[in-house]
Amino acid sequence: MADVPNPIQLQKHLKGVDYPAGKSDLIETARDQGADDTVLDALRKIPDREYDGPNAVSKAVADAG
């Protein structure tokens, strides 16, 4: 199984995201919040679409992992 960040770790790096948010916004916010490569790689693997909230992002990360 791929190295997937846990939802708490993921959401810590997505604080302040203005939902709905696109994939590039999520990656940019996570990078600005000091996310490590595990979190950034997980976000790069999710489908490029709008996400309506943290749960949608967590689900996409889990499904992509």
PDB file of N, CA and C in Angstrom:
ATOM      1  N   MET A   1       0.841  -1.202   0.000  1.00  0.00           N
ATOM      2  CA  MET A   1       0.000   0.000   0.000  1.00  0.00           C
ATOM      3  C   MET A   1       0.877   1.254   0.000  1.00  0.00           C
ATOM      4  N   ALA A   2       0.395   2.253  -0.705  1.00  0.00           N
ATOM      5  CA  ALA A   2       1.157   3.499  -0.793  1.00  0.00           C
ATOM      6  C   ALA A   2       1.203   4.188   0.569  1.00  0.00           C
ATOM      7  N   ASP A   3       2.155   5.075   0.696  1.00  0.00           N
ATOM      8  CA  ASP A   3       2.299   5.838   1.935  1.00  0.00           C
ATOM      9  C   ASP A   3       1.285   6.978   1.925  1.00  0.00           C
ATOM     10  N   VAL A   4       0.188   6.801   2.650  1.00  0.00           N
ATOM     11  CA  VAL A   4      -0.892   7.787   2.665  1.00  0.00           C
ATOM     12  C   VAL A   4      -0.903   8.491   4.023  1.00  0.00           C
ATOM     13  N   PRO A   5      -0.944   9.820   4.026  1.00  0.00           N
ATOM     14  CA  PRO A   5      -0.991  10.526   5.312  1.00  0.00           C
ATOM     15  C   PRO A   5      -2.332  10.271   5.995  1.00  0.00           C
ATOM     16  N   ASN A   6      -2.339  10.257   7.314  1.00  0.00           N
ATOM     17  CA  ASN A   6      -3.627  10.070   7.983  1.00  0.00           C
ATOM     18  C   ASN A   6      -4.430  11.366   7.866  1.00  0.00           C
ATOM     19  N   PRO A   7      -5.762  11.260   7.999  1.00  0.00           N
ATOM     20  CA  PRO A   7      -6.621  12.435   7.787  1.00  0.00           C
ATOM     21  C   PRO A   7      -6.291  13.614   8.694  1.00  0.00           C
ATOM     22  N   ILE A   8      -5.873  13.351   9.923  1.00  0.00           N
ATOM     23  CA  ILE A   8      -5.546  14.440  10.843  1.00  0.00           C
ATOM     24  C   ILE A   8      -4.315  15.198  10.347  1.00  0.00           C
ATOM     25  N   GLN A   9      -3.301  14.449   9.943  1.00  0.00           N
ATOM     26  CA  GLN A   9      -2.077  15.041   9.394  1.00  0.00           C
ATOM     27  C   GLN A   9      -2.421  15.859   8.141  1.00  0.00           C
ATOM     28  N   LEU A  10      -3.257  15.280   7.302  1.00  0.00           N
ATOM     29  CA  LEU A  10      -3.648  15.945   6.063  1.00  0.00           C
ATOM     30  C   LEU A  10      -4.373  17.258   6.356  1.00  0.00           C
ATOM     31  N   GLN A  11      -5.373  17.213   7.218  1.00  0.00           N
ATOM     32  CA  GLN A  11      -6.172  18.407   7.502  1.00  0.00           C
ATOM     33  C   GLN A  11      -5.368  19.494   8.204  1.00  0.00           C
ATOM     34  N   LYS A  12      -4.362  19.084   8.988  1.00  0.00           N
ATOM     35  CA  LYS A  12      -3.494  20.060   9.654  1.00  0.00           C
ATOM     36  C   LYS A  12      -2.832  20.968   8.613  1.00  0.00           C
ATOM     37  N   HIS A  13      -2.487  20.394   7.477  1.00  0.00           N
ATOM     38  CA  HIS A  13      -1.799  21.152   6.432  1.00  0.00           C
ATOM     39  C   HIS A  13      -2.765  21.850   5.484  1.00  0.00           C
ATOM     40  N   LEU A  14      -4.061  21.631   5.662  1.00  0.00           N
ATOM     41  CA  LEU A  14      -5.048  22.277   4.798  1.00  0.00           C
ATOM     42  C   LEU A  14      -5.859  23.329   5.549  1.00  0.00           C
ATOM     43  N   LYS A  15      -5.376  23.718   6.732  1.00  0.00           N
ATOM     44  CA  LYS A  15      -6.048  24.771   7.491  1.00  0.00           C
ATOM     45  C   LYS A  15      -6.119  26.039   6.664  1.00  0.00           C
ATOM     46  N   GLY A  16      -7.280  26.676   6.688  1.00  0.00           N
ATOM     47  CA  GLY A  16      -7.424  27.937   5.982  1.00  0.00           C
ATOM     48  C   GLY A  16      -7.814  27.809   4.527  1.00  0.00           C
ATOM     49  N   VAL A  17      -7.997  26.568   4.046  1.00  0.00           N
ATOM     50  CA  VAL A  17      -8.439  26.408   2.661  1.00  0.00           C
ATOM     51  C   VAL A  17      -9.861  26.940   2.549  1.00  0.00           C
ATOM     52  N   ASP A  18     -10.108  27.672   1.491  1.00  0.00           N
ATOM     53  CA  ASP A  18     -11.424  28.229   1.240  1.00  0.00           C
ATOM     54  C   ASP A  18     -12.164  27.279   0.305  1.00  0.00           C
ATOM     55  N   TYR A  19     -13.053  26.461   0.866  1.00  0.00           N
ATOM     56  CA  TYR A  19     -13.789  25.494   0.050  1.00  0.00           C
ATOM     57  C   TYR A  19     -14.993  26.161  -0.593  1.00  0.00           C
ATOM     58  N   PRO A  20     -15.411  25.719  -1.790  1.00  0.00           N
ATOM     59  CA  PRO A  20     -14.793  24.648  -2.567  1.00  0.00           C
ATOM     60  C   PRO A  20     -13.418  25.072  -3.094  1.00  0.00           C
ATOM     61  N   ALA A  21     -12.536  24.074  -3.186  1.00  0.00           N
ATOM     62  CA  ALA A  21     -11.160  24.341  -3.599  1.00  0.00           C
ATOM     63  C   ALA A  21     -10.709  23.313  -4.623  1.00  0.00           C
ATOM     64  N   GLY A  22      -9.914  23.771  -5.570  1.00  0.00           N
ATOM     65  CA  GLY A  22      -9.368  22.882  -6.584  1.00  0.00           C
ATOM     66  C   GLY A  22      -8.095  22.203  -6.098  1.00  0.00           C
ATOM     67  N   LYS A  23      -7.696  21.193  -6.828  1.00  0.00           N
ATOM     68  CA  LYS A  23      -6.497  20.425  -6.485  1.00  0.00           C
ATOM     69  C   LYS A  23      -5.265  21.322  -6.327  1.00  0.00           C
ATOM     70  N   SER A  24      -5.071  22.259  -7.252  1.00  0.00           N
ATOM     71  CA  SER A  24      -3.874  23.111  -7.180  1.00  0.00           C
ATOM     72  C   SER A  24      -3.906  24.006  -5.942  1.00  0.00           C
ATOM     73  N   ASP A  25      -5.112  24.468  -5.560  1.00  0.00           N
ATOM     74  CA  ASP A  25      -5.235  25.274  -4.337  1.00  0.00           C
ATOM     75  C   ASP A  25      -4.848  24.452  -3.109  1.00  0.00           C
ATOM     76  N   LEU A  26      -5.287  23.202  -3.078  1.00  0.00           N
ATOM     77  CA  LEU A  26      -4.986  22.328  -1.941  1.00  0.00           C
ATOM     78  C   LEU A  26      -3.479  22.095  -1.827  1.00  0.00           C
ATOM     79  N   ILE A  27      -2.837  21.807  -2.961  1.00  0.00           N
ATOM     80  CA  ILE A  27      -1.390  21.557  -2.957  1.00  0.00           C
ATOM     81  C   ILE A  27      -0.640  22.815  -2.519  1.00  0.00           C
ATOM     82  N   GLU A  28      -1.052  23.956  -3.045  1.00  0.00           N
ATOM     83  CA  GLU A  28      -0.392  25.222  -2.704  1.00  0.00           C
ATOM     84  C   GLU A  28      -0.538  25.540  -1.208  1.00  0.00           C
ATOM     85  N   THR A  29      -1.741  25.359  -0.678  1.00  0.00           N
ATOM     86  CA  THR A  29      -1.968  25.621   0.744  1.00  0.00           C
ATOM     87  C   THR A  29      -1.144  24.677   1.600  1.00  0.00           C
ATOM     88  N   ALA A  30      -1.150  23.396   1.257  1.00  0.00           N
ATOM     89  CA  ALA A  30      -0.386  22.410   2.029  1.00  0.00           C
ATOM     90  C   ALA A  30       1.097  22.763   2.012  1.00  0.00           C
ATOM     91  N   ARG A  31       1.612  23.159   0.858  1.00  0.00           N
ATOM     92  CA  ARG A  31       3.031  23.526   0.750  1.00  0.00           C
ATOM     93  C   ARG A  31       3.325  24.733   1.632  1.00  0.00           C
ATOM     94  N   ASP A  32       2.435  25.735   1.585  1.00  0.00           N
ATOM     95  CA  ASP A  32       2.614  26.930   2.411  1.00  0.00           C
ATOM     96  C   ASP A  32       2.561  26.611   3.901  1.00  0.00           C
ATOM     97  N   GLN A  33       1.816  25.572   4.273  1.00  0.00           N
ATOM     98  CA  GLN A  33       1.673  25.174   5.676  1.00  0.00           C
ATOM     99  C   GLN A  33       2.799  24.235   6.126  1.00  0.00           C
ATOM    100  N   GLY A  34       3.757  23.982   5.232  1.00  0.00           N
ATOM    101  CA  GLY A  34       4.908  23.166   5.610  1.00  0.00           C
ATOM    102  C   GLY A  34       4.693  21.665   5.514  1.00  0.00           C
ATOM    103  N   ALA A  35       3.772  21.250   4.640  1.00  0.00           N
ATOM    104  CA  ALA A  35       3.499  19.815   4.481  1.00  0.00           C
ATOM    105  C   ALA A  35       4.730  19.087   3.962  1.00  0.00           C
ATOM    106  N   ASP A  36       4.879  17.845   4.396  1.00  0.00           N
ATOM    107  CA  ASP A  36       6.011  17.036   3.919  1.00  0.00           C
ATOM    108  C   ASP A  36       5.655  16.367   2.589  1.00  0.00           C
ATOM    109  N   ASP A  37       6.612  15.634   2.025  1.00  0.00           N
ATOM    110  CA  ASP A  37       6.406  15.015   0.712  1.00  0.00           C
ATOM    111  C   ASP A  37       5.280  13.991   0.725  1.00  0.00           C
ATOM    112  N   THR A  38       5.062  13.321   1.848  1.00  0.00           N
ATOM    113  CA  THR A  38       3.979  12.329   1.925  1.00  0.00           C
ATOM    114  C   THR A  38       2.640  12.997   1.666  1.00  0.00           C
ATOM    115  N   VAL A  39       2.409  14.125   2.306  1.00  0.00           N
ATOM    116  CA  VAL A  39       1.147  14.862   2.140  1.00  0.00           C
ATOM    117  C   VAL A  39       1.060  15.437   0.726  1.00  0.00           C
ATOM    118  N   LEU A  40       2.120  16.058   0.268  1.00  0.00           N
ATOM    119  CA  LEU A  40       2.100  16.677  -1.066  1.00  0.00           C
ATOM    120  C   LEU A  40       1.924  15.628  -2.154  1.00  0.00           C
ATOM    121  N   ASP A  41       2.609  14.496  -2.049  1.00  0.00           N
ATOM    122  CA  ASP A  41       2.474  13.431  -3.052  1.00  0.00           C
ATOM    123  C   ASP A  41       1.052  12.886  -3.058  1.00  0.00           C
ATOM    124  N   ALA A  42       0.458  12.734  -1.874  1.00  0.00           N
ATOM    125  CA  ALA A  42      -0.914  12.239  -1.779  1.00  0.00           C
ATOM    126  C   ALA A  42      -1.870  13.206  -2.482  1.00  0.00           C
ATOM    127  N   LEU A  43      -1.674  14.501  -2.272  1.00  0.00           N
ATOM    128  CA  LEU A  43      -2.548  15.490  -2.917  1.00  0.00           C
ATOM    129  C   LEU A  43      -2.336  15.523  -4.424  1.00  0.00           C
ATOM    130  N   ARG A  44      -1.116  15.258  -4.872  1.00  0.00           N
ATOM    131  CA  ARG A  44      -0.851  15.254  -6.321  1.00  0.00           C
ATOM    132  C   ARG A  44      -1.564  14.099  -7.013  1.00  0.00           C
ATOM    133  N   LYS A  45      -1.881  13.040  -6.271  1.00  0.00           N
ATOM    134  CA  LYS A  45      -2.517  11.847  -6.861  1.00  0.00           C
ATOM    135  C   LYS A  45      -4.031  11.950  -6.951  1.00  0.00           C
ATOM    136  N   ILE A  46      -4.648  12.912  -6.273  1.00  0.00           N
ATOM    137  CA  ILE A  46      -6.111  12.983  -6.286  1.00  0.00           C
ATOM    138  C   ILE A  46      -6.595  13.552  -7.616  1.00  0.00           C
ATOM    139  N   PRO A  47      -7.837  13.225  -7.992  1.00  0.00           N
ATOM    140  CA  PRO A  47      -8.387  13.761  -9.254  1.00  0.00           C
ATOM    141  C   PRO A  47      -8.403  15.291  -9.234  1.00  0.00           C
ATOM    142  N   ASP A  48      -8.196  15.866 -10.416  1.00  0.00           N
ATOM    143  CA  ASP A  48      -8.159  17.321 -10.556  1.00  0.00           C
ATOM    144  C   ASP A  48      -9.591  17.831 -10.702  1.00  0.00           C
ATOM    145  N   ARG A  49     -10.187  18.172  -9.566  1.00  0.00           N
ATOM    146  CA  ARG A  49     -11.560  18.678  -9.562  1.00  0.00           C
ATOM    147  C   ARG A  49     -11.742  19.578  -8.359  1.00  0.00           C
ATOM    148  N   GLU A  50     -12.938  20.114  -8.209  1.00  0.00           N
ATOM    149  CA  GLU A  50     -13.258  20.938  -7.045  1.00  0.00           C
ATOM    150  C   GLU A  50     -13.655  20.038  -5.876  1.00  0.00           C
ATOM    151  N   TYR A  51     -13.176  20.344  -4.695  1.00  0.00           N
ATOM    152  CA  TYR A  51     -13.519  19.601  -3.478  1.00  0.00           C
ATOM    153  C   TYR A  51     -14.329  20.527  -2.583  1.00  0.00           C
ATOM    154  N   ASP A  52     -15.448  19.989  -2.058  1.00  0.00           N
ATOM    155  CA  ASP A  52     -16.360  20.858  -1.313  1.00  0.00           C
ATOM    156  C   ASP A  52     -16.070  20.933   0.174  1.00  0.00           C
ATOM    157  N   GLY A  53     -15.080  20.176   0.643  1.00  0.00           N
ATOM    158  CA  GLY A  53     -14.742  20.246   2.054  1.00  0.00           C
ATOM    159  C   GLY A  53     -13.672  19.239   2.429  1.00  0.00           C
ATOM    160  N   PRO A  54     -13.213  19.283   3.678  1.00  0.00           N
ATOM    161  CA  PRO A  54     -12.131  18.411   4.132  1.00  0.00           C
ATOM    162  C   PRO A  54     -12.434  16.928   3.983  1.00  0.00           C
ATOM    163  N   ASN A  55     -13.683  16.524   4.213  1.00  0.00           N
ATOM    164  CA  ASN A  55     -14.013  15.104   4.093  1.00  0.00           C
ATOM    165  C   ASN A  55     -13.848  14.606   2.667  1.00  0.00           C
ATOM    166  N   ALA A  56     -14.212  15.440   1.707  1.00  0.00           N
ATOM    167  CA  ALA A  56     -14.065  15.067   0.300  1.00  0.00           C
ATOM    168  C   ALA A  56     -12.586  14.896  -0.056  1.00  0.00           C
ATOM    169  N   VAL A  57     -11.742  15.744   0.492  1.00  0.00           N
ATOM    170  CA  VAL A  57     -10.300  15.644   0.237  1.00  0.00           C
ATOM    171  C   VAL A  57      -9.752  14.370   0.872  1.00  0.00           C
ATOM    172  N   SER A  58     -10.129  14.109   2.115  1.00  0.00           N
ATOM    173  CA  SER A  58      -9.651  12.896   2.803  1.00  0.00           C
ATOM    174  C   SER A  58     -10.071  11.635   2.053  1.00  0.00           C
ATOM    175  N   LYS A  59     -11.299  11.622   1.570  1.00  0.00           N
ATOM    176  CA  LYS A  59     -11.794  10.455   0.833  1.00  0.00           C
ATOM    177  C   LYS A  59     -11.025  10.283  -0.466  1.00  0.00           C
ATOM    178  N   ALA A  60     -10.780  11.377  -1.190  1.00  0.00           N
ATOM    179  CA  ALA A  60     -10.041  11.308  -2.444  1.00  0.00           C
ATOM    180  C   ALA A  60      -8.623  10.798  -2.220  1.00  0.00           C
ATOM    181  N   VAL A  61      -7.985  11.257  -1.151  1.00  0.00           N
ATOM    182  CA  VAL A  61      -6.624  10.808  -0.820  1.00  0.00           C
ATOM    183  C   VAL A  61      -6.629   9.315  -0.513  1.00  0.00           C
ATOM    184  N   ALA A  62      -7.604   8.878   0.290  1.00  0.00           N
ATOM    185  CA  ALA A  62      -7.690   7.455   0.642  1.00  0.00           C
ATOM    186  C   ALA A  62      -7.939   6.605  -0.607  1.00  0.00           C
ATOM    187  N   ASP A  63      -8.821   7.063  -1.487  1.00  0.00           N
ATOM    188  CA  ASP A  63      -9.144   6.311  -2.708  1.00  0.00           C
ATOM    189  C   ASP A  63      -7.960   6.284  -3.673  1.00  0.00           C
ATOM    190  N   ALA A  64      -7.206   7.366  -3.731  1.00  0.00           N
ATOM    191  CA  ALA A  64      -6.070   7.447  -4.652  1.00  0.00           C
ATOM    192  C   ALA A  64      -4.870   6.657  -4.136  1.00  0.00           C
ATOM    193  N   GLY A  65      -4.788   6.490  -2.810  1.00  0.00           N
ATOM    194  CA  GLY A  65      -3.669   5.784  -2.201  1.00  0.00           C
ATOM    195  C   GLY A  65      -3.706   4.333  -2.522  1.00  0.00           C
TER     196      GLY A  65
END
